[in-house]
Protein backbone atom coordinates (compact mmCIF):
# COMPACT_ATOMS: atom_id res chain seq x y z
CA MET A 1 2.28 40.79 -62.73
CA SER A 2 2.70 42.30 -59.34
CA ARG A 3 0.33 41.78 -56.55
CA PRO A 4 -1.22 44.69 -54.73
CA CYS A 5 0.21 45.26 -51.27
CA ARG A 6 -2.05 44.10 -48.45
CA PHE A 7 -1.85 45.47 -44.95
CA SER A 8 -2.49 43.06 -42.15
CA ASP A 9 -4.49 44.04 -39.05
CA SER A 10 -3.37 41.02 -37.07
CA GLY A 11 -0.73 42.82 -34.92
CA GLN A 12 -2.80 45.87 -34.02
CA ALA A 13 -5.03 44.24 -31.38
CA PHE A 14 -2.14 43.31 -29.11
CA PRO A 15 -1.31 46.90 -27.94
CA ILE A 16 -5.00 47.51 -27.24
CA TYR A 17 -5.17 44.28 -25.26
CA ILE A 18 -2.13 45.29 -23.18
CA THR A 19 -3.63 48.72 -22.48
CA VAL A 20 -6.96 47.23 -21.37
CA VAL A 21 -5.28 44.66 -19.10
CA ALA A 22 -3.04 47.35 -17.56
CA GLY A 23 -6.10 49.55 -16.91
CA LEU A 24 -7.98 46.67 -15.30
CA LEU A 25 -5.01 45.85 -13.08
CA PHE A 26 -4.77 49.47 -11.98
CA LEU A 27 -8.49 49.48 -11.13
CA ALA A 28 -8.08 46.24 -9.19
CA PHE A 29 -5.25 47.73 -7.13
CA ALA A 30 -7.27 50.91 -6.55
CA TYR A 31 -10.23 48.83 -5.30
CA LEU A 32 -7.82 46.94 -3.06
CA ALA A 33 -6.63 50.27 -1.59
CA VAL A 34 -10.23 51.29 -0.93
CA GLY A 35 -10.83 47.91 0.70
CA GLN A 36 -7.73 48.30 2.90
CA ALA A 37 -8.95 51.71 4.04
CA ALA A 38 -12.43 50.35 4.79
CA VAL A 39 -11.01 47.48 6.85
CA ASN A 40 -8.76 49.88 8.77
CA ARG A 41 -11.68 52.23 9.42
CA GLY A 42 -13.83 49.31 10.55
CA GLY A 43 -11.11 48.25 12.98
CA ALA A 44 -10.97 51.78 14.37
CA GLN A 45 -14.74 51.85 14.85
CA THR A 46 -14.66 48.49 16.62
CA ALA A 47 -11.92 49.75 18.94
CA ALA A 48 -13.87 52.95 19.64
CA ASP A 49 -17.08 51.05 20.40
CA ALA A 50 -15.25 48.64 22.72
CA ALA A 51 -13.46 51.47 24.51
CA ALA A 52 -16.63 53.51 25.06
CA LEU A 53 -18.53 50.47 26.33
CA ALA A 54 -15.64 49.53 28.63
CA ALA A 55 -15.59 53.01 30.19
CA ALA A 56 -19.35 52.96 30.69
CA GLN A 57 -19.32 49.45 32.18
CA GLU A 58 -16.53 50.42 34.58
CA ALA A 59 -18.57 53.44 35.70
CA ARG A 60 -21.69 51.27 36.01
CA ASP A 61 -19.85 48.82 38.26
CA GLN A 62 -18.54 51.72 40.38
CA LEU A 63 -22.05 53.18 40.71
CA ALA A 64 -23.47 49.80 41.72
CA GLY A 65 -20.73 49.51 44.35
CA LEU A 66 -21.52 53.00 45.63
CA TRP A 67 -25.19 52.03 45.89
CA VAL A 68 -24.33 48.93 47.93
CA ASP A 69 -22.09 51.03 50.19
CA ALA A 70 -24.89 53.60 50.64
CA LEU A 71 -27.61 51.01 51.07
CA SER A 72 -28.44 52.11 54.59
CA ASP A 73 -28.56 55.81 53.57
CA PRO A 74 -31.35 56.16 50.96
CA THR A 75 -30.75 59.93 50.72
CA LYS A 76 -27.70 59.14 48.55
CA TRP A 77 -29.50 56.80 46.17
CA THR A 78 -30.83 59.48 43.80
CA ASP A 79 -27.36 60.95 43.26
CA ILE A 80 -25.98 57.50 42.51
CA PHE A 81 -28.71 56.75 39.98
CA GLU A 82 -27.95 60.11 38.34
CA GLY A 83 -24.34 58.98 37.88
CA LYS A 84 -22.70 61.07 40.57
CA GLY A 85 -19.72 59.79 42.53
CA ALA A 86 -18.01 57.42 40.11
CA ASP A 87 -14.28 57.81 39.52
CA ASP A 88 -12.89 58.46 36.04
CA PRO A 89 -13.25 55.18 34.07
CA CYS A 90 -11.08 56.27 31.12
CA TRP A 91 -8.28 53.90 32.15
CA ARG A 92 -10.56 51.04 31.11
CA ALA A 93 -11.26 52.69 27.74
CA GLU A 94 -7.52 53.00 27.13
CA GLN A 95 -7.05 49.34 28.03
CA LEU A 96 -9.73 48.14 25.59
CA ALA A 97 -8.45 50.39 22.81
CA ALA A 98 -4.99 48.84 23.22
CA GLU A 99 -6.48 45.34 23.12
CA ASN A 100 -8.00 46.29 19.75
CA ASP A 101 -4.66 47.56 18.36
CA ALA A 102 -5.54 51.23 18.73
CA SER A 103 -4.59 54.22 20.87
CA LEU A 104 -6.99 56.30 22.91
CA ASN A 105 -6.89 59.92 21.67
CA SER A 106 -9.50 61.27 24.05
CA CYS A 107 -12.02 60.16 26.64
CA ASN A 108 -14.73 62.53 27.82
CA PRO A 109 -16.63 61.20 30.82
CA ASP A 110 -19.88 62.92 31.59
CA LEU A 111 -22.64 61.86 33.94
CA LEU A 112 -23.92 58.60 32.47
CA ARG A 113 -22.30 59.36 29.06
CA TYR A 114 -18.80 58.44 27.84
CA THR A 115 -17.36 59.58 24.51
CA VAL A 116 -14.03 58.29 23.25
CA GLU A 117 -11.89 58.80 20.17
CA VAL A 118 -9.33 56.21 19.08
CA GLN A 119 -6.74 55.93 16.33
CA THR A 120 -5.51 52.67 14.86
CA ASN A 121 -1.89 51.74 15.48
CA LYS A 122 -1.52 50.40 11.94
CA SER A 123 -1.74 52.57 8.86
CA VAL A 124 -3.80 51.83 5.78
CA GLY A 125 -0.62 50.49 4.17
CA ASP A 126 1.12 50.67 0.82
CA SER A 127 -1.11 50.85 -2.23
CA VAL A 128 -1.35 52.45 -5.66
CA VAL A 129 -2.85 55.51 -3.98
CA PRO A 130 0.08 57.70 -2.94
CA GLY A 131 0.35 58.83 0.67
CA THR A 132 -1.72 56.06 2.26
CA GLU A 133 1.25 54.31 3.81
CA ASN A 134 1.19 56.65 6.84
CA ILE A 135 -2.55 57.33 7.18
CA LYS A 136 -4.22 55.88 10.28
CA SER A 137 -7.95 55.69 10.87
CA THR A 138 -9.59 57.69 13.66
CA GLU A 139 -13.11 56.97 14.92
CA SER A 140 -15.23 57.92 17.92
CA ALA A 141 -18.05 56.32 19.86
CA THR A 142 -20.35 57.22 22.74
CA ALA A 143 -21.75 54.83 25.33
CA VAL A 144 -24.48 55.71 27.80
CA ILE A 145 -25.57 54.29 31.12
CA GLU A 146 -29.31 54.09 31.59
CA PRO A 147 -30.57 53.70 35.16
CA LEU A 148 -33.06 50.87 35.28
CA CYS A 149 -34.34 51.59 38.81
CA LEU A 150 -35.97 54.40 40.72
CA PRO A 151 -35.91 54.51 44.51
CA GLY A 152 -39.32 54.36 46.10
CA ASP A 153 -40.53 57.23 48.26
CA ASP A 154 -41.20 55.13 51.37
CA ALA A 155 -38.06 56.25 53.23
CA THR A 156 -40.20 57.98 55.87
CA THR A 157 -41.41 54.64 57.25
CA GLY A 158 -37.97 53.90 58.67
CA ALA A 159 -37.46 50.95 56.36
CA LEU A 160 -35.31 51.01 53.28
CA PRO A 161 -37.22 52.15 50.21
CA HIS A 162 -37.91 49.59 47.55
CA LEU A 163 -36.50 49.88 44.07
CA THR A 164 -38.83 49.96 41.12
CA CYS A 165 -36.85 48.53 38.23
CA LYS A 166 -37.60 47.48 34.69
CA GLY A 167 -37.06 43.89 35.80
CA GLY A 168 -39.47 44.16 38.75
CA GLU A 169 -39.30 45.48 42.29
CA TRP A 170 -36.54 44.94 44.82
CA ASP A 171 -36.75 45.25 48.57
CA PRO A 172 -33.07 45.62 49.46
CA ASP A 173 -31.95 43.86 52.61
CA PRO A 174 -28.49 44.89 53.89
CA ASP A 175 -28.28 41.58 55.76
CA ASP A 176 -28.70 39.62 52.49
CA PRO A 177 -25.97 40.80 50.08
CA ALA A 178 -26.63 37.85 47.74
CA GLY A 179 -30.20 39.05 47.26
CA LEU A 180 -29.18 42.55 46.18
CA PRO A 181 -29.52 43.54 42.53
CA LYS A 182 -26.42 43.16 40.38
CA PRO A 183 -24.94 46.10 38.41
CA GLU A 184 -26.72 44.94 35.24
CA ASP A 185 -30.03 44.94 37.17
CA LEU A 186 -29.50 48.55 38.23
CA PHE A 187 -28.05 50.06 35.04
CA ASP A 188 -28.09 49.28 31.33
CA VAL A 189 -25.04 50.11 29.21
CA HIS A 190 -25.32 50.59 25.45
CA LEU A 191 -23.88 52.59 22.59
CA ALA A 192 -25.60 55.87 21.81
CA ASP A 193 -27.56 55.97 18.57
């Protein structure tokens, strides 16, 4: 008597297993590519933030120096606290971008406002996503200088006007340079929202 032919299912699961594993590996590499791009973009944003803050801090220090130089001429104080007179601080933005492995694409200084755009020096890198090996991240940031002091209106008395600041009041004395407010007492620097 002959036995009926039986078909075995034991070898049919292996091709399905290989297909599922290959699909999961592809997804893992795709997620890795997305992660690489996110890290690169985050590095670009960090470089942009640092560059914008560096430009604004350089301008703040220049304005504070101008105020010290014009201490005996209170008619110039208002212009200084409005941001007038500072030289272009974009060299400092370029320096900080380079320290963060990026290049400065643009720097737009405005009175008390500095906007920069940087591009990373490194690309996203090789991945399963075609074309990413040459893509670099570009980000921008804006930093602002906020005057913390207002000159008093007592210049008519012949004495130097006092400064009303968020940290208190100052009575500047040209003969006491150590007692003068520091740049961070006169101006606050922060990233724009």
